[in-house]
C-alpha atoms as a PDB file:
ATOM      1  CA  MET A   1       0.000   0.000   0.000  1.00  0.00           C
ATOM      2  CA  GLN A   2       1.317   3.406  -0.988  1.00  0.00           C
ATOM      3  CA  THR A   3       1.656   6.239   1.472  1.00  0.00           C
ATOM      4  CA  LEU A   4      -0.345   9.411   1.034  1.00  0.00           C
ATOM      5  CA  LYS A   5       2.835  11.237   0.082  1.00  0.00           C
ATOM      6  CA  GLU A   6       3.609   8.702  -2.648  1.00  0.00           C
ATOM      7  CA  LEU A   7       0.083   8.980  -4.046  1.00  0.00           C
ATOM      8  CA  ILE A   8       0.232  12.768  -4.122  1.00  0.00           C
ATOM      9  CA  GLU A   9       3.618  12.703  -5.842  1.00  0.00           C
ATOM     10  CA  GLN A  10       2.016  10.744  -8.704  1.00  0.00           C
ATOM     11  CA  LEU A  11      -0.388  13.604  -9.392  1.00  0.00           C
ATOM     12  CA  PRO A  12       0.410  16.400 -11.856  1.00  0.00           C
ATOM     13  CA  PRO A  13       1.467  19.706 -10.234  1.00  0.00           C
ATOM     14  CA  GLU A  14      -1.952  21.385 -10.662  1.00  0.00           C
ATOM     15  CA  LEU A  15      -3.695  18.522  -8.836  1.00  0.00           C
ATOM     16  CA  GLN A  16      -1.017  18.525  -6.148  1.00  0.00           C
ATOM     17  CA  GLU A  17      -1.885  22.188  -5.608  1.00  0.00           C
ATOM     18  CA  GLU A  18      -5.576  21.254  -5.238  1.00  0.00           C
ATOM     19  CA  VAL A  19      -4.620  18.639  -2.658  1.00  0.00           C
ATOM     20  CA  ARG A  20      -2.566  21.273  -0.803  1.00  0.00           C
ATOM     21  CA  ASP A  21      -5.511  23.704  -0.856  1.00  0.00           C
ATOM     22  CA  PHE A  22      -7.883  21.036   0.421  1.00  0.00           C
ATOM     23  CA  VAL A  23      -5.543  19.984   3.229  1.00  0.00           C
ATOM     24  CA  GLU A  24      -5.089  23.624   4.265  1.00  0.00           C
ATOM     25  CA  PHE A  25      -8.877  24.038   4.262  1.00  0.00           C
ATOM     26  CA  LEU A  26      -9.274  20.958   6.487  1.00  0.00           C
ATOM     27  CA  LEU A  27      -6.611  22.231   8.890  1.00  0.00           C
ATOM     28  CA  GLU A  28      -8.254  25.670   9.105  1.00  0.00           C
ATOM     29  CA  LYS A  29     -11.667  24.077   9.658  1.00  0.00           C
ATOM     30  CA  ARG A  30     -10.274  21.896  12.442  1.00  0.00           C
ATOM     31  CA  ALA A  31      -8.489  24.827  14.069  1.00  0.00           C
ATOM     32  CA  ALA A  32     -11.672  26.928  13.982  1.00  0.00           C
ATOM     33  CA  LYS A  33     -13.660  24.089  15.554  1.00  0.00           C
ATOM     34  CA  LEU A  34     -11.102  23.640  18.336  1.00  0.00           C
ATOM     35  CA  LYS A  35     -11.013  27.398  18.943  1.00  0.00           C
ATOM     36  CA  ALA A  36     -14.825  27.549  19.150  1.00  0.00           C
ATOM     37  CA  GLU A  37     -14.858  24.630  21.606  1.00  0.00           C
ATOM     38  CA  ARG A  38     -12.264  26.351  23.807  1.00  0.00           C
ATOM     39  CA  LYS A  39     -14.322  29.566  23.776  1.00  0.00           C
ATOM     40  CA  GLY A  40     -17.472  27.627  24.668  1.00  0.00           C
ATOM     41  CA  GLU A  41     -19.369  28.723  21.568  1.00  0.00           C
ATOM     42  CA  LEU A  42     -22.519  26.845  20.689  1.00  0.00           C
ATOM     43  CA  LYS A  43     -22.280  24.158  18.054  1.00  0.00           C
ATOM     44  CA  LEU A  44     -25.260  23.374  15.878  1.00  0.00           C
ATOM     45  CA  ASP A  45     -24.086  19.985  14.640  1.00  0.00           C
ATOM     46  CA  TRP A  46     -26.939  18.378  16.592  1.00  0.00           C
ATOM     47  CA  ARG A  47     -29.572  20.262  14.572  1.00  0.00           C
ATOM     48  CA  GLY A  48     -32.199  17.898  13.174  1.00  0.00           C
ATOM     49  CA  ALA A  49     -31.171  15.039  15.470  1.00  0.00           C
ATOM     50  CA  LEU A  50     -34.660  14.838  17.003  1.00  0.00           C
ATOM     51  CA  ARG A  51     -36.528  15.109  13.703  1.00  0.00           C
ATOM     52  CA  ASP A  52     -37.945  11.598  14.054  1.00  0.00           C
ATOM     53  CA  LEU A  53     -39.670  12.603  17.310  1.00  0.00           C
ATOM     54  CA  ARG A  54     -41.655  15.554  15.915  1.00  0.00           C
ATOM     55  CA  ASP A  55     -44.662  13.383  15.079  1.00  0.00           C
ATOM     56  CA  LYS A  56     -44.591  11.780  18.516  1.00  0.00           C
ATOM     57  CA  TYR A  57     -44.300  14.953  20.653  1.00  0.00           C
ATOM     58  CA  THR A  58     -45.390  18.587  20.427  1.00  0.00           C
ATOM     59  CA  SER A  59     -42.600  21.124  20.868  1.00  0.00           C
ATOM     60  CA  VAL A  60     -43.569  21.673  24.524  1.00  0.00           C
ATOM     61  CA  GLU A  61     -43.739  17.930  25.194  1.00  0.00           C
ATOM     62  CA  LEU A  62     -40.361  17.530  23.531  1.00  0.00           C
ATOM     63  CA  GLN A  63     -38.876  20.252  25.745  1.00  0.00           C
ATOM     64  CA  HIS A  64     -40.162  18.390  28.804  1.00  0.00           C
ATOM     65  CA  LYS A  65     -38.841  15.085  27.454  1.00  0.00           C
ATOM     66  CA  ILE A  66     -35.393  16.627  26.820  1.00  0.00           C
ATOM     67  CA  THR A  67     -35.355  17.970  30.391  1.00  0.00           C
ATOM     68  CA  GLU A  68     -36.260  14.495  31.598  1.00  0.00           C
ATOM     69  CA  TRP A  69     -33.419  12.963  29.545  1.00  0.00           C
ATOM     70  CA  ARG A  70     -31.002  15.614  30.838  1.00  0.00           C
ATOM     71  CA  ILE A  71     -31.951  14.842  34.458  1.00  0.00           C
ATOM     72  CA  GLU A  72     -31.508  11.112  33.844  1.00  0.00           C
ATOM     73  CA  LYS A  73     -28.089  11.759  32.274  1.00  0.00           C
ATOM     74  CA  GLU A  74     -27.002  13.968  35.183  1.00  0.00           C
ATOM     75  CA  LEU A  75     -28.109  11.324  37.675  1.00  0.00           C
ATOM     76  CA  ARG A  76     -26.099   8.667  35.813  1.00  0.00           C
ATOM     77  CA  GLU A  77     -23.075  10.990  35.773  1.00  0.00           C
ATOM     78  CA  LEU A  78     -23.428  11.657  39.496  1.00  0.00           C
ATOM     79  CA  GLN A  79     -23.499   7.926  40.152  1.00  0.00           C
ATOM     80  CA  THR A  80     -20.324   7.422  38.119  1.00  0.00           C
ATOM     81  CA  GLY A  81     -18.625  10.675  39.204  1.00  0.00           C
ATOM     82  CA  ASP A  82     -18.469  12.072  35.664  1.00  0.00           C
ATOM     83  CA  ASN A  83     -20.522  15.255  36.180  1.00  0.00           C
ATOM     84  CA  VAL A  84     -18.102  18.184  35.974  1.00  0.00           C
ATOM     85  CA  MET A  85     -20.062  20.938  34.240  1.00  0.00           C
ATOM     86  CA  LEU A  86     -18.485  24.265  35.008  1.00  0.00           C
ATOM     87  CA  LYS A  87     -20.536  27.412  35.345  1.00  0.00           C
ATOM     88  CA  ARG A  88     -19.397  30.972  34.823  1.00  0.00           C
ATOM     89  CA  SER A  89     -20.269  34.110  36.729  1.00  0.00           C
ATOM     90  CA  HIS A  90     -22.830  36.532  35.317  1.00  0.00           C
ATOM     91  CA  ALA A  91     -20.007  38.753  34.083  1.00  0.00           C
ATOM     92  CA  GLY A  92     -18.445  35.787  32.339  1.00  0.00           C
ATOM     93  CA  ASN A  93     -15.122  36.558  33.939  1.00  0.00           C
ATOM     94  CA  GLY A  94     -14.149  33.182  35.244  1.00  0.00           C
ATOM     95  CA  VAL A  95     -15.112  29.867  36.623  1.00  0.00           C
ATOM     96  CA  ILE A  96     -16.813  30.120  40.000  1.00  0.00           C
ATOM     97  CA  GLY A  97     -17.427  26.492  40.780  1.00  0.00           C
ATOM     98  CA  ARG A  98     -18.918  23.198  39.779  1.00  0.00           C
ATOM     99  CA  GLU A  99     -22.518  22.644  38.937  1.00  0.00           C
ATOM    100  CA  VAL A 100     -23.895  19.350  40.099  1.00  0.00           C
ATOM    101  CA  GLY A 101     -27.101  18.135  38.429  1.00  0.00           C
ATOM    102  CA  ASN A 102     -29.802  20.557  39.503  1.00  0.00           C
ATOM    103  CA  GLY A 103     -32.564  19.056  37.421  1.00  0.00           C
ATOM    104  CA  GLY A 104     -32.299  21.639  34.679  1.00  0.00           C
ATOM    105  CA  ARG A 105     -33.048  24.560  37.022  1.00  0.00           C
ATOM    106  CA  ASN A 106     -30.902  27.652  36.709  1.00  0.00           C
ATOM    107  CA  SER A 107     -28.824  28.118  39.822  1.00  0.00           C
ATOM    108  CA  GLY A 108     -28.564  31.866  39.371  1.00  0.00           C
ATOM    109  CA  CYS A 109     -25.563  31.828  37.048  1.00  0.00           C
ATOM    110  CA  ALA A 110     -25.436  31.513  33.316  1.00  0.00           C
ATOM    111  CA  ARG A 111     -24.437  28.110  31.998  1.00  0.00           C
END
């Protein structure tokens, strides 16, 4: 089996340049994703994941069901010691402690 480098070297120069552009694009995309995760920005890659439930639940019922699932998940995490969600102060100027499963209720600080 040939290495990636060997395969690329078999391409003509203009296609090698396309490969270079694509690899640079992938690296930039990955770096942006990592940066967004470090900053705590919201990701929307989950969008549409509950589409199959829209005929089974109204939007309000689905919100309640999601809260129920979140509580169940937090309880499982508490039992295994995995629940380490950090919360930030209202000013967003630093971590002020750990949040242990509060059943989806806001504890006074933004999540």
